[in-house]
Amino acid sequence: MQFYIKLKNRTKLIRKRPVYRMKMCFKYYLDRQSRDPVFIVATRRSGSNLLLDYLKSIPGVSFQAEILNARMSYGIRRRFISKKAVLRHIAHSVNYSKHRICGAKLISSQMQAHGIVLDDLKSIFPTARFIIIYRCSLLDQFISLKIAAKTNVWQWIDNSFKLPDSINVELQELDSHPRVEVRNAG
């Protein structure tokens, strides 16, 4: 059953991504507009979805979700792609927003995987503003990540969510958990 679900999701991704990318590119090259982007740079399990929901509720403001997430149709693949292509994808995604005041959520580990730093974004969007969000307690963040991985519930939508009875944590896994790092180039 799990294999079927993964195959179904992968097929949907392969089918939807080219269509979305084509619409985004046409809008960028045919209807490019000035934008004042705000980038939410977040670590995983930091509450960034809640912040994104709040910001999306403001009239005249639009935000894109995790535009570097390879598992989403609006995302970008992880391997065999240049840094320049990733930055172009970010520019296209921001331009695809409906309003002048717009933004996108970027996960810091996905940025690091593509070699993107804040200065790269500043070079493309000189007027960009940044909201950097992370959890103060890295242990709470790690436990939340383990629970999400075990339950496969990454976003809490309703009250039907049930915590697992237990989770297993290897000491070296905890030790290798990434620290909060948001670096500028240089």
N, C-alpha and C. Protein backbone atom coordinates (compact mmCIF):
# COMPACT_ATOMS: atom_id res chain seq x y z
N MET A 1 0.82 -1.20 0.00
CA MET A 1 0.00 0.00 0.00
C MET A 1 0.87 1.26 0.00
N GLN A 2 1.91 1.26 0.84
CA GLN A 2 2.81 2.43 0.93
C GLN A 2 3.48 2.69 -0.43
N PHE A 3 3.88 1.61 -1.11
CA PHE A 3 4.51 1.75 -2.43
C PHE A 3 3.55 2.40 -3.42
N TYR A 4 2.28 1.99 -3.38
CA TYR A 4 1.27 2.54 -4.28
C TYR A 4 1.10 4.04 -4.04
N ILE A 5 1.05 4.45 -2.77
CA ILE A 5 0.88 5.87 -2.44
C ILE A 5 2.08 6.68 -2.94
N LYS A 6 3.30 6.16 -2.72
CA LYS A 6 4.50 6.87 -3.19
C LYS A 6 4.51 6.98 -4.71
N LEU A 7 4.13 5.91 -5.39
CA LEU A 7 4.09 5.92 -6.86
C LEU A 7 3.05 6.91 -7.37
N LYS A 8 1.89 6.94 -6.73
CA LYS A 8 0.83 7.86 -7.11
C LYS A 8 1.28 9.31 -6.93
N ASN A 9 1.91 9.62 -5.79
CA ASN A 9 2.40 10.98 -5.55
C ASN A 9 3.49 11.37 -6.54
N ARG A 10 4.37 10.45 -6.85
CA ARG A 10 5.46 10.73 -7.79
C ARG A 10 4.90 10.99 -9.20
N THR A 11 3.90 10.21 -9.61
CA THR A 11 3.30 10.41 -10.94
C THR A 11 2.59 11.75 -11.02
N LYS A 12 1.89 12.11 -9.94
CA LYS A 12 1.21 13.39 -9.91
C LYS A 12 2.23 14.53 -10.02
N LEU A 13 3.35 14.40 -9.32
CA LEU A 13 4.41 15.40 -9.36
C LEU A 13 4.98 15.54 -10.77
N ILE A 14 5.25 14.43 -11.41
CA ILE A 14 5.81 14.44 -12.77
C ILE A 14 4.83 15.07 -13.75
N ARG A 15 3.54 14.85 -13.54
CA ARG A 15 2.51 15.38 -14.41
C ARG A 15 2.28 16.88 -14.19
N LYS A 16 2.30 17.34 -12.94
CA LYS A 16 1.96 18.73 -12.63
C LYS A 16 3.12 19.70 -12.76
N ARG A 17 4.34 19.27 -12.43
CA ARG A 17 5.46 20.20 -12.39
C ARG A 17 5.73 20.91 -13.71
N PRO A 18 5.78 20.21 -14.85
CA PRO A 18 6.06 20.93 -16.11
C PRO A 18 5.00 21.97 -16.46
N VAL A 19 3.74 21.68 -16.16
CA VAL A 19 2.66 22.62 -16.45
C VAL A 19 2.82 23.87 -15.59
N TYR A 20 3.08 23.67 -14.31
CA TYR A 20 3.26 24.80 -13.41
C TYR A 20 4.47 25.64 -13.82
N ARG A 21 5.58 24.99 -14.14
CA ARG A 21 6.79 25.72 -14.53
C ARG A 21 6.58 26.51 -15.81
N MET A 22 5.83 25.96 -16.75
CA MET A 22 5.57 26.66 -18.01
C MET A 22 4.71 27.91 -17.76
N LYS A 23 3.67 27.79 -16.93
CA LYS A 23 2.84 28.95 -16.61
C LYS A 23 3.66 30.03 -15.92
N MET A 24 4.52 29.61 -15.01
CA MET A 24 5.36 30.53 -14.25
C MET A 24 6.33 31.27 -15.19
N CYS A 25 6.95 30.55 -16.11
CA CYS A 25 7.89 31.16 -17.05
C CYS A 25 7.20 32.13 -17.99
N PHE A 26 6.02 31.76 -18.51
CA PHE A 26 5.29 32.66 -19.40
C PHE A 26 4.95 33.96 -18.68
N LYS A 27 4.48 33.85 -17.45
CA LYS A 27 4.14 35.04 -16.69
C LYS A 27 5.38 35.90 -16.45
N TYR A 28 6.51 35.25 -16.19
CA TYR A 28 7.75 36.00 -15.92
C TYR A 28 8.21 36.76 -17.17
N TYR A 29 8.20 36.11 -18.31
CA TYR A 29 8.73 36.74 -19.52
C TYR A 29 7.71 37.63 -20.23
N LEU A 30 6.42 37.39 -20.03
CA LEU A 30 5.41 38.19 -20.71
C LEU A 30 4.78 39.26 -19.81
N ASP A 31 4.83 39.07 -18.51
CA ASP A 31 4.16 40.00 -17.61
C ASP A 31 4.98 40.20 -16.33
N ARG A 32 6.27 40.51 -16.50
CA ARG A 32 7.12 40.72 -15.34
C ARG A 32 6.77 42.04 -14.67
N GLN A 33 6.61 42.00 -13.36
CA GLN A 33 6.23 43.18 -12.61
C GLN A 33 7.21 43.40 -11.46
N SER A 34 7.26 44.63 -11.01
CA SER A 34 8.10 44.98 -9.87
C SER A 34 7.51 44.36 -8.61
N ARG A 35 8.34 43.74 -7.81
CA ARG A 35 7.89 43.08 -6.59
C ARG A 35 8.70 43.57 -5.40
N ASP A 36 8.08 43.57 -4.25
CA ASP A 36 8.76 43.85 -2.98
C ASP A 36 8.70 42.58 -2.15
N PRO A 37 9.59 41.63 -2.41
CA PRO A 37 9.45 40.33 -1.74
C PRO A 37 9.91 40.34 -0.28
N VAL A 38 9.25 39.50 0.46
CA VAL A 38 9.65 39.19 1.83
C VAL A 38 9.92 37.69 1.84
N PHE A 39 11.12 37.31 2.23
CA PHE A 39 11.46 35.89 2.28
C PHE A 39 11.42 35.41 3.72
N ILE A 40 10.69 34.35 3.94
CA ILE A 40 10.68 33.69 5.24
C ILE A 40 11.72 32.58 5.14
N VAL A 41 12.80 32.74 5.85
CA VAL A 41 13.86 31.73 5.88
C VAL A 41 13.70 30.99 7.20
N ALA A 42 13.40 29.70 7.12
CA ALA A 42 13.04 28.96 8.33
C ALA A 42 13.77 27.63 8.39
N THR A 43 13.91 27.15 9.61
CA THR A 43 14.36 25.78 9.81
C THR A 43 13.11 24.91 9.84
N ARG A 44 13.29 23.62 9.60
CA ARG A 44 12.13 22.73 9.62
C ARG A 44 11.57 22.64 11.04
N ARG A 45 10.25 22.51 11.14
CA ARG A 45 9.53 22.35 12.39
C ARG A 45 9.69 23.56 13.30
N SER A 46 9.65 24.76 12.71
CA SER A 46 9.85 25.97 13.49
C SER A 46 8.58 26.81 13.63
N GLY A 47 7.47 26.35 13.05
CA GLY A 47 6.24 27.13 13.11
C GLY A 47 6.07 28.05 11.93
N SER A 48 6.85 27.84 10.89
CA SER A 48 6.80 28.73 9.73
C SER A 48 5.49 28.62 8.95
N ASN A 49 4.85 27.46 8.97
CA ASN A 49 3.55 27.35 8.29
C ASN A 49 2.50 28.22 8.95
N LEU A 50 2.54 28.31 10.26
CA LEU A 50 1.61 29.18 10.97
C LEU A 50 1.85 30.64 10.59
N LEU A 51 3.11 31.04 10.58
CA LEU A 51 3.45 32.41 10.17
C LEU A 51 3.00 32.67 8.73
N LEU A 52 3.23 31.71 7.86
CA LEU A 52 2.83 31.84 6.45
C LEU A 52 1.31 32.00 6.33
N ASP A 53 0.56 31.23 7.10
CA ASP A 53 -0.91 31.36 7.09
C ASP A 53 -1.35 32.74 7.55
N TYR A 54 -0.71 33.26 8.59
CA TYR A 54 -1.03 34.61 9.07
C TYR A 54 -0.77 35.64 7.97
N LEU A 55 0.39 35.56 7.34
CA LEU A 55 0.75 36.54 6.32
C LEU A 55 -0.16 36.44 5.09
N LYS A 56 -0.54 35.23 4.72
CA LYS A 56 -1.44 35.05 3.58
C LYS A 56 -2.82 35.63 3.83
N SER A 57 -3.20 35.77 5.09
CA SER A 57 -4.53 36.28 5.41
C SER A 57 -4.63 37.80 5.28
N ILE A 58 -3.51 38.47 5.07
CA ILE A 58 -3.51 39.93 4.91
C ILE A 58 -3.97 40.26 3.49
N PRO A 59 -4.98 41.12 3.32
CA PRO A 59 -5.41 41.48 1.96
C PRO A 59 -4.29 42.20 1.19
N GLY A 60 -4.16 41.87 -0.08
CA GLY A 60 -3.16 42.52 -0.93
C GLY A 60 -1.76 41.96 -0.78
N VAL A 61 -1.64 40.83 -0.11
CA VAL A 61 -0.35 40.19 0.10
C VAL A 61 -0.46 38.73 -0.34
N SER A 62 0.54 38.24 -1.04
CA SER A 62 0.53 36.82 -1.42
C SER A 62 1.89 36.21 -1.14
N PHE A 63 1.87 34.97 -0.67
CA PHE A 63 3.09 34.24 -0.34
C PHE A 63 3.06 32.87 -0.98
N GLN A 64 4.21 32.45 -1.46
CA GLN A 64 4.38 31.11 -2.01
C GLN A 64 4.90 30.22 -0.88
N ALA A 65 4.48 28.97 -0.87
CA ALA A 65 4.97 28.02 0.13
C ALA A 65 6.40 27.61 -0.22
N GLU A 66 6.87 26.51 0.28
CA GLU A 66 8.26 26.07 0.13
C GLU A 66 8.62 25.88 -1.35
N ILE A 67 9.12 26.91 -1.98
CA ILE A 67 9.38 26.86 -3.42
C ILE A 67 10.62 26.06 -3.79
N LEU A 68 11.39 25.64 -2.81
CA LEU A 68 12.56 24.80 -3.09
C LEU A 68 12.30 23.34 -2.71
N ASN A 69 11.10 23.02 -2.28
CA ASN A 69 10.77 21.66 -1.85
C ASN A 69 10.59 20.76 -3.07
N ALA A 70 11.47 19.80 -3.20
CA ALA A 70 11.46 18.90 -4.37
C ALA A 70 10.24 18.01 -4.42
N ARG A 71 9.54 17.85 -3.32
CA ARG A 71 8.37 16.97 -3.28
C ARG A 71 7.09 17.66 -3.73
N MET A 72 7.17 18.96 -4.00
CA MET A 72 5.98 19.71 -4.39
C MET A 72 6.05 20.07 -5.88
N SER A 73 4.89 20.22 -6.48
CA SER A 73 4.85 20.52 -7.92
C SER A 73 5.43 21.90 -8.22
N TYR A 74 5.36 22.81 -7.26
CA TYR A 74 5.92 24.16 -7.46
C TYR A 74 7.37 24.24 -7.00
N GLY A 75 7.92 23.13 -6.55
CA GLY A 75 9.31 23.09 -6.09
C GLY A 75 10.28 22.87 -7.22
N ILE A 76 11.49 22.53 -6.85
CA ILE A 76 12.55 22.33 -7.83
C ILE A 76 13.34 21.09 -7.42
N ARG A 77 13.82 20.36 -8.39
CA ARG A 77 14.52 19.12 -8.06
C ARG A 77 15.80 19.40 -7.25
N ARG A 78 16.26 18.37 -6.55
CA ARG A 78 17.40 18.53 -5.65
C ARG A 78 18.74 18.38 -6.34
N ARG A 79 18.81 17.51 -7.31
CA ARG A 79 20.10 17.20 -7.91
C ARG A 79 20.15 17.62 -9.38
N PHE A 80 21.36 17.74 -9.86
CA PHE A 80 21.63 18.05 -11.27
C PHE A 80 20.99 19.37 -11.71
N ILE A 81 21.12 20.36 -10.87
CA ILE A 81 20.59 21.68 -11.19
C ILE A 81 21.56 22.73 -10.67
N SER A 82 21.79 23.73 -11.45
CA SER A 82 22.78 24.75 -11.07
C SER A 82 22.20 25.76 -10.10
N LYS A 83 23.08 26.44 -9.40
CA LYS A 83 22.67 27.49 -8.47
C LYS A 83 21.96 28.61 -9.24
N LYS A 84 22.44 28.90 -10.44
CA LYS A 84 21.83 29.94 -11.27
C LYS A 84 20.38 29.57 -11.62
N ALA A 85 20.14 28.29 -11.92
CA ALA A 85 18.79 27.83 -12.25
C ALA A 85 17.88 27.90 -11.02
N VAL A 86 18.43 27.63 -9.85
CA VAL A 86 17.63 27.71 -8.62
C VAL A 86 17.25 29.17 -8.35
N LEU A 87 18.19 30.09 -8.52
CA LEU A 87 17.89 31.51 -8.32
C LEU A 87 16.87 32.01 -9.34
N ARG A 88 16.96 31.52 -10.56
CA ARG A 88 15.97 31.89 -11.58
C ARG A 88 14.59 31.36 -11.19
N HIS A 89 14.55 30.14 -10.64
CA HIS A 89 13.29 29.56 -10.17
C HIS A 89 12.67 30.42 -9.05
N ILE A 90 13.51 30.91 -8.16
CA ILE A 90 13.02 31.77 -7.08
C ILE A 90 12.45 33.07 -7.66
N ALA A 91 13.18 33.67 -8.62
CA ALA A 91 12.70 34.90 -9.27
C ALA A 91 11.38 34.67 -9.98
N HIS A 92 11.25 33.56 -10.69
CA HIS A 92 10.01 33.25 -11.40
C HIS A 92 8.87 33.02 -10.40
N SER A 93 9.17 32.33 -9.31
CA SER A 93 8.14 32.04 -8.30
C SER A 93 7.62 33.32 -7.66
N VAL A 94 8.53 34.24 -7.35
CA VAL A 94 8.10 35.50 -6.73
C VAL A 94 7.27 36.30 -7.72
N ASN A 95 7.68 36.35 -8.98
CA ASN A 95 6.92 37.08 -9.99
C ASN A 95 5.54 36.46 -10.23
N TYR A 96 5.40 35.17 -9.97
CA TYR A 96 4.14 34.46 -10.17
C TYR A 96 3.10 34.84 -9.12
N SER A 97 3.54 35.50 -8.06
CA SER A 97 2.61 35.93 -7.00
C SER A 97 1.60 36.92 -7.56
N LYS A 98 0.44 36.98 -6.94
CA LYS A 98 -0.65 37.81 -7.44
C LYS A 98 -0.49 39.28 -7.10
N HIS A 99 0.24 39.60 -6.04
CA HIS A 99 0.31 40.98 -5.57
C HIS A 99 1.75 41.50 -5.57
N ARG A 100 1.86 42.82 -5.55
CA ARG A 100 3.19 43.46 -5.53
C ARG A 100 3.93 43.13 -4.25
N ILE A 101 3.22 43.17 -3.14
CA ILE A 101 3.82 42.77 -1.87
C ILE A 101 3.62 41.27 -1.75
N CYS A 102 4.70 40.55 -1.83
CA CYS A 102 4.62 39.10 -1.88
C CYS A 102 5.86 38.50 -1.23
N GLY A 103 5.93 37.21 -1.27
CA GLY A 103 7.10 36.56 -0.70
C GLY A 103 7.05 35.07 -0.89
N ALA A 104 8.03 34.43 -0.29
CA ALA A 104 8.14 32.99 -0.39
C ALA A 104 8.81 32.45 0.86
N LYS A 105 8.44 31.23 1.18
CA LYS A 105 9.06 30.55 2.32
C LYS A 105 10.18 29.68 1.78
N LEU A 106 11.35 29.82 2.40
CA LEU A 106 12.51 29.03 2.03
C LEU A 106 13.02 28.29 3.27
N ILE A 107 13.22 27.01 3.15
CA ILE A 107 13.77 26.23 4.26
C ILE A 107 15.29 26.29 4.17
N SER A 108 15.93 26.62 5.29
CA SER A 108 17.38 26.86 5.28
C SER A 108 18.17 25.64 4.80
N SER A 109 17.75 24.44 5.16
CA SER A 109 18.48 23.24 4.71
C SER A 109 18.36 23.06 3.19
N GLN A 110 17.22 23.44 2.61
CA GLN A 110 17.06 23.37 1.15
C GLN A 110 17.93 24.42 0.47
N MET A 111 18.02 25.61 1.09
CA MET A 111 18.91 26.65 0.55
C MET A 111 20.35 26.17 0.57
N GLN A 112 20.77 25.58 1.69
CA GLN A 112 22.13 25.10 1.82
C GLN A 112 22.43 23.99 0.82
N ALA A 113 21.44 23.13 0.56
CA ALA A 113 21.63 22.04 -0.41
C ALA A 113 21.92 22.58 -1.82
N HIS A 114 21.37 23.74 -2.12
CA HIS A 114 21.59 24.37 -3.44
C HIS A 114 22.70 25.42 -3.40
N GLY A 115 23.30 25.63 -2.24
CA GLY A 115 24.38 26.62 -2.12
C GLY A 115 23.90 28.06 -2.15
N ILE A 116 22.65 28.29 -1.75
CA ILE A 116 22.06 29.62 -1.76
C ILE A 116 22.26 30.27 -0.39
N VAL A 117 22.70 31.52 -0.38
CA VAL A 117 22.82 32.31 0.85
C VAL A 117 22.00 33.58 0.68
N LEU A 118 21.79 34.31 1.77
CA LEU A 118 20.96 35.50 1.73
C LEU A 118 21.49 36.55 0.76
N ASP A 119 22.79 36.67 0.64
CA ASP A 119 23.37 37.64 -0.29
C ASP A 119 22.99 37.34 -1.74
N ASP A 120 22.82 36.07 -2.08
CA ASP A 120 22.38 35.70 -3.43
C ASP A 120 20.98 36.27 -3.70
N LEU A 121 20.12 36.14 -2.71
CA LEU A 121 18.76 36.67 -2.87
C LEU A 121 18.77 38.19 -2.92
N LYS A 122 19.63 38.81 -2.11
CA LYS A 122 19.75 40.27 -2.11
C LYS A 122 20.25 40.79 -3.46
N SER A 123 21.10 40.03 -4.15
CA SER A 123 21.61 40.48 -5.44
C SER A 123 20.51 40.48 -6.51
N ILE A 124 19.55 39.57 -6.39
CA ILE A 124 18.43 39.53 -7.35
C ILE A 124 17.32 40.49 -6.94
N PHE A 125 17.07 40.57 -5.64
CA PHE A 125 16.00 41.41 -5.10
C PHE A 125 16.61 42.40 -4.10
N PRO A 126 17.13 43.53 -4.58
CA PRO A 126 17.78 44.48 -3.67
C PRO A 126 16.87 45.03 -2.58
N THR A 127 15.56 45.07 -2.83
CA THR A 127 14.64 45.61 -1.83
C THR A 127 14.02 44.51 -0.95
N ALA A 128 14.52 43.31 -1.08
CA ALA A 128 13.95 42.19 -0.33
C ALA A 128 14.14 42.37 1.17
N ARG A 129 13.16 41.85 1.89
CA ARG A 129 13.24 41.81 3.34
C ARG A 129 13.19 40.35 3.77
N PHE A 130 13.74 40.08 4.93
CA PHE A 130 13.85 38.70 5.39
C PHE A 130 13.26 38.55 6.78
N ILE A 131 12.52 37.45 6.96
CA ILE A 131 12.08 37.03 8.28
C ILE A 131 12.77 35.70 8.52
N ILE A 132 13.61 35.64 9.53
CA ILE A 132 14.33 34.41 9.83
C ILE A 132 13.69 33.81 11.07
N ILE A 133 13.22 32.57 10.92
CA ILE A 133 12.48 31.94 12.01
C ILE A 133 13.09 30.58 12.32
N TYR A 134 13.28 30.35 13.59
CA TYR A 134 13.76 29.06 14.07
C TYR A 134 13.27 28.85 15.49
N ARG A 135 13.34 27.64 15.94
CA ARG A 135 12.94 27.34 17.30
C ARG A 135 14.13 27.54 18.23
N CYS A 136 13.88 28.17 19.36
CA CYS A 136 14.97 28.37 20.34
C CYS A 136 15.47 27.04 20.89
N SER A 137 14.55 26.12 21.12
CA SER A 137 14.94 24.82 21.66
C SER A 137 15.16 23.85 20.51
N LEU A 138 16.42 23.56 20.23
CA LEU A 138 16.74 22.63 19.15
C LEU A 138 16.28 21.21 19.50
N LEU A 139 16.21 20.89 20.79
CA LEU A 139 15.72 19.58 21.19
C LEU A 139 14.23 19.43 20.87
N ASP A 140 13.44 20.47 21.16
CA ASP A 140 12.01 20.43 20.81
C ASP A 140 11.84 20.31 19.29
N GLN A 141 12.66 21.00 18.56
CA GLN A 141 12.60 20.95 17.10
C GLN A 141 12.93 19.54 16.61
N PHE A 142 13.95 18.94 17.18
CA PHE A 142 14.36 17.59 16.79
C PHE A 142 13.25 16.59 17.10
N ILE A 143 12.65 16.67 18.28
CA ILE A 143 11.58 15.75 18.65
C ILE A 143 10.36 15.94 17.72
N SER A 144 10.03 17.17 17.42
CA SER A 144 8.93 17.45 16.50
C SER A 144 9.21 16.84 15.12
N LEU A 145 10.44 16.94 14.68
CA LEU A 145 10.84 16.36 13.39
C LEU A 145 10.71 14.84 13.41
N LYS A 146 11.14 14.22 14.50
CA LYS A 146 11.03 12.76 14.62
C LYS A 146 9.56 12.31 14.63
N ILE A 147 8.70 13.06 15.34
CA ILE A 147 7.28 12.71 15.38
C ILE A 147 6.65 12.87 13.99
N ALA A 148 6.99 13.94 13.29
CA ALA A 148 6.45 14.16 11.94
C ALA A 148 6.90 13.05 11.00
N ALA A 149 8.16 12.65 11.11
CA ALA A 149 8.67 11.58 10.24
C ALA A 149 7.97 10.25 10.55
N LYS A 150 7.74 9.98 11.83
CA LYS A 150 7.11 8.71 12.20
C LYS A 150 5.64 8.66 11.80
N THR A 151 4.92 9.77 11.98
CA THR A 151 3.48 9.80 11.70
C THR A 151 3.17 10.22 10.27
N ASN A 152 4.16 10.78 9.58
CA ASN A 152 3.99 11.32 8.23
C ASN A 152 2.95 12.45 8.22
N VAL A 153 2.83 13.16 9.33
CA VAL A 153 1.97 14.34 9.44
C VAL A 153 2.90 15.53 9.60
N TRP A 154 3.03 16.31 8.54
CA TRP A 154 3.97 17.42 8.54
C TRP A 154 3.32 18.75 8.84
N GLN A 155 2.01 18.80 8.71
CA GLN A 155 1.29 20.03 9.02
C GLN A 155 0.00 19.65 9.73
N TRP A 156 -0.22 20.24 10.90
CA TRP A 156 -1.38 19.93 11.71
C TRP A 156 -2.56 20.72 11.19
N ILE A 157 -3.55 20.00 10.64
CA ILE A 157 -4.68 20.66 10.01
C ILE A 157 -5.93 20.59 10.89
N ASP A 158 -6.13 19.48 11.57
CA ASP A 158 -7.31 19.34 12.41
C ASP A 158 -6.94 18.67 13.73
N ASN A 159 -7.91 18.44 14.56
CA ASN A 159 -7.65 17.86 15.89
C ASN A 159 -7.61 16.34 15.91
N SER A 160 -7.62 15.69 14.74
CA SER A 160 -7.62 14.24 14.71
C SER A 160 -6.22 13.64 14.86
N PHE A 161 -5.20 14.48 14.92
CA PHE A 161 -3.82 14.01 15.04
C PHE A 161 -3.60 13.34 16.39
N LYS A 162 -2.94 12.18 16.37
CA LYS A 162 -2.64 11.46 17.60
C LYS A 162 -1.13 11.25 17.69
N LEU A 163 -0.57 11.63 18.83
CA LEU A 163 0.87 11.44 19.03
C LEU A 163 1.19 9.96 19.08
N PRO A 164 2.35 9.56 18.56
CA PRO A 164 2.74 8.15 18.66
C PRO A 164 3.05 7.79 20.12
N ASP A 165 2.93 6.50 20.45
CA ASP A 165 3.21 6.06 21.81
C ASP A 165 4.67 6.28 22.19
N SER A 166 5.55 6.10 21.20
CA SER A 166 6.98 6.29 21.49
C SER A 166 7.73 6.61 20.20
N ILE A 167 8.88 7.19 20.36
CA ILE A 167 9.80 7.40 19.24
C ILE A 167 11.18 6.96 19.70
N ASN A 168 11.96 6.45 18.77
CA ASN A 168 13.31 6.01 19.09
C ASN A 168 14.30 7.04 18.58
N VAL A 169 15.24 7.39 19.43
CA VAL A 169 16.26 8.36 19.06
C VAL A 169 17.63 7.77 19.37
N GLU A 170 18.46 7.71 18.36
CA GLU A 170 19.84 7.30 18.55
C GLU A 170 20.64 8.52 18.97
N LEU A 171 21.56 8.35 19.89
CA LEU A 171 22.34 9.47 20.41
C LEU A 171 23.13 10.16 19.30
N GLN A 172 23.72 9.37 18.40
CA GLN A 172 24.50 9.98 17.32
C GLN A 172 23.60 10.72 16.32
N GLU A 173 22.36 10.29 16.18
CA GLU A 173 21.39 10.99 15.33
C GLU A 173 21.08 12.37 15.92
N LEU A 174 20.90 12.41 17.23
CA LEU A 174 20.66 13.67 17.91
C LEU A 174 21.88 14.58 17.80
N ASP A 175 23.05 14.00 17.95
CA ASP A 175 24.30 14.77 17.88
C ASP A 175 24.53 15.35 16.48
N SER A 176 24.08 14.63 15.45
CA SER A 176 24.29 15.11 14.08
C SER A 176 23.16 16.01 13.58
N HIS A 177 22.15 16.26 14.44
CA HIS A 177 21.05 17.16 14.05
C HIS A 177 21.63 18.54 13.73
N PRO A 178 21.26 19.10 12.57
CA PRO A 178 21.85 20.39 12.17
C PRO A 178 21.58 21.50 13.17
N ARG A 179 22.56 22.32 13.35
CA ARG A 179 22.42 23.51 14.19
C ARG A 179 21.81 24.61 13.34
N VAL A 180 21.30 25.63 13.95
CA VAL A 180 20.72 26.75 13.22
C VAL A 180 21.86 27.52 12.58
N GLU A 181 21.81 27.63 11.25
CA GLU A 181 22.84 28.37 10.53
C GLU A 181 22.20 29.17 9.42
N VAL A 182 22.28 30.45 9.50
CA VAL A 182 21.86 31.32 8.41
C VAL A 182 23.05 32.20 8.13
N ARG A 183 23.72 31.92 7.02
CA ARG A 183 24.97 32.60 6.72
C ARG A 183 24.83 33.51 5.53
N ASN A 184 25.59 34.56 5.53
CA ASN A 184 25.76 35.41 4.36
C ASN A 184 27.03 34.94 3.65
N ALA A 185 27.13 35.22 2.38
CA ALA A 185 28.35 34.88 1.66
C ALA A 185 29.48 35.78 2.16
N GLY A 186 30.66 35.22 2.28
CA GLY A 186 31.80 36.04 2.68
C GLY A 186 31.97 36.04 4.08
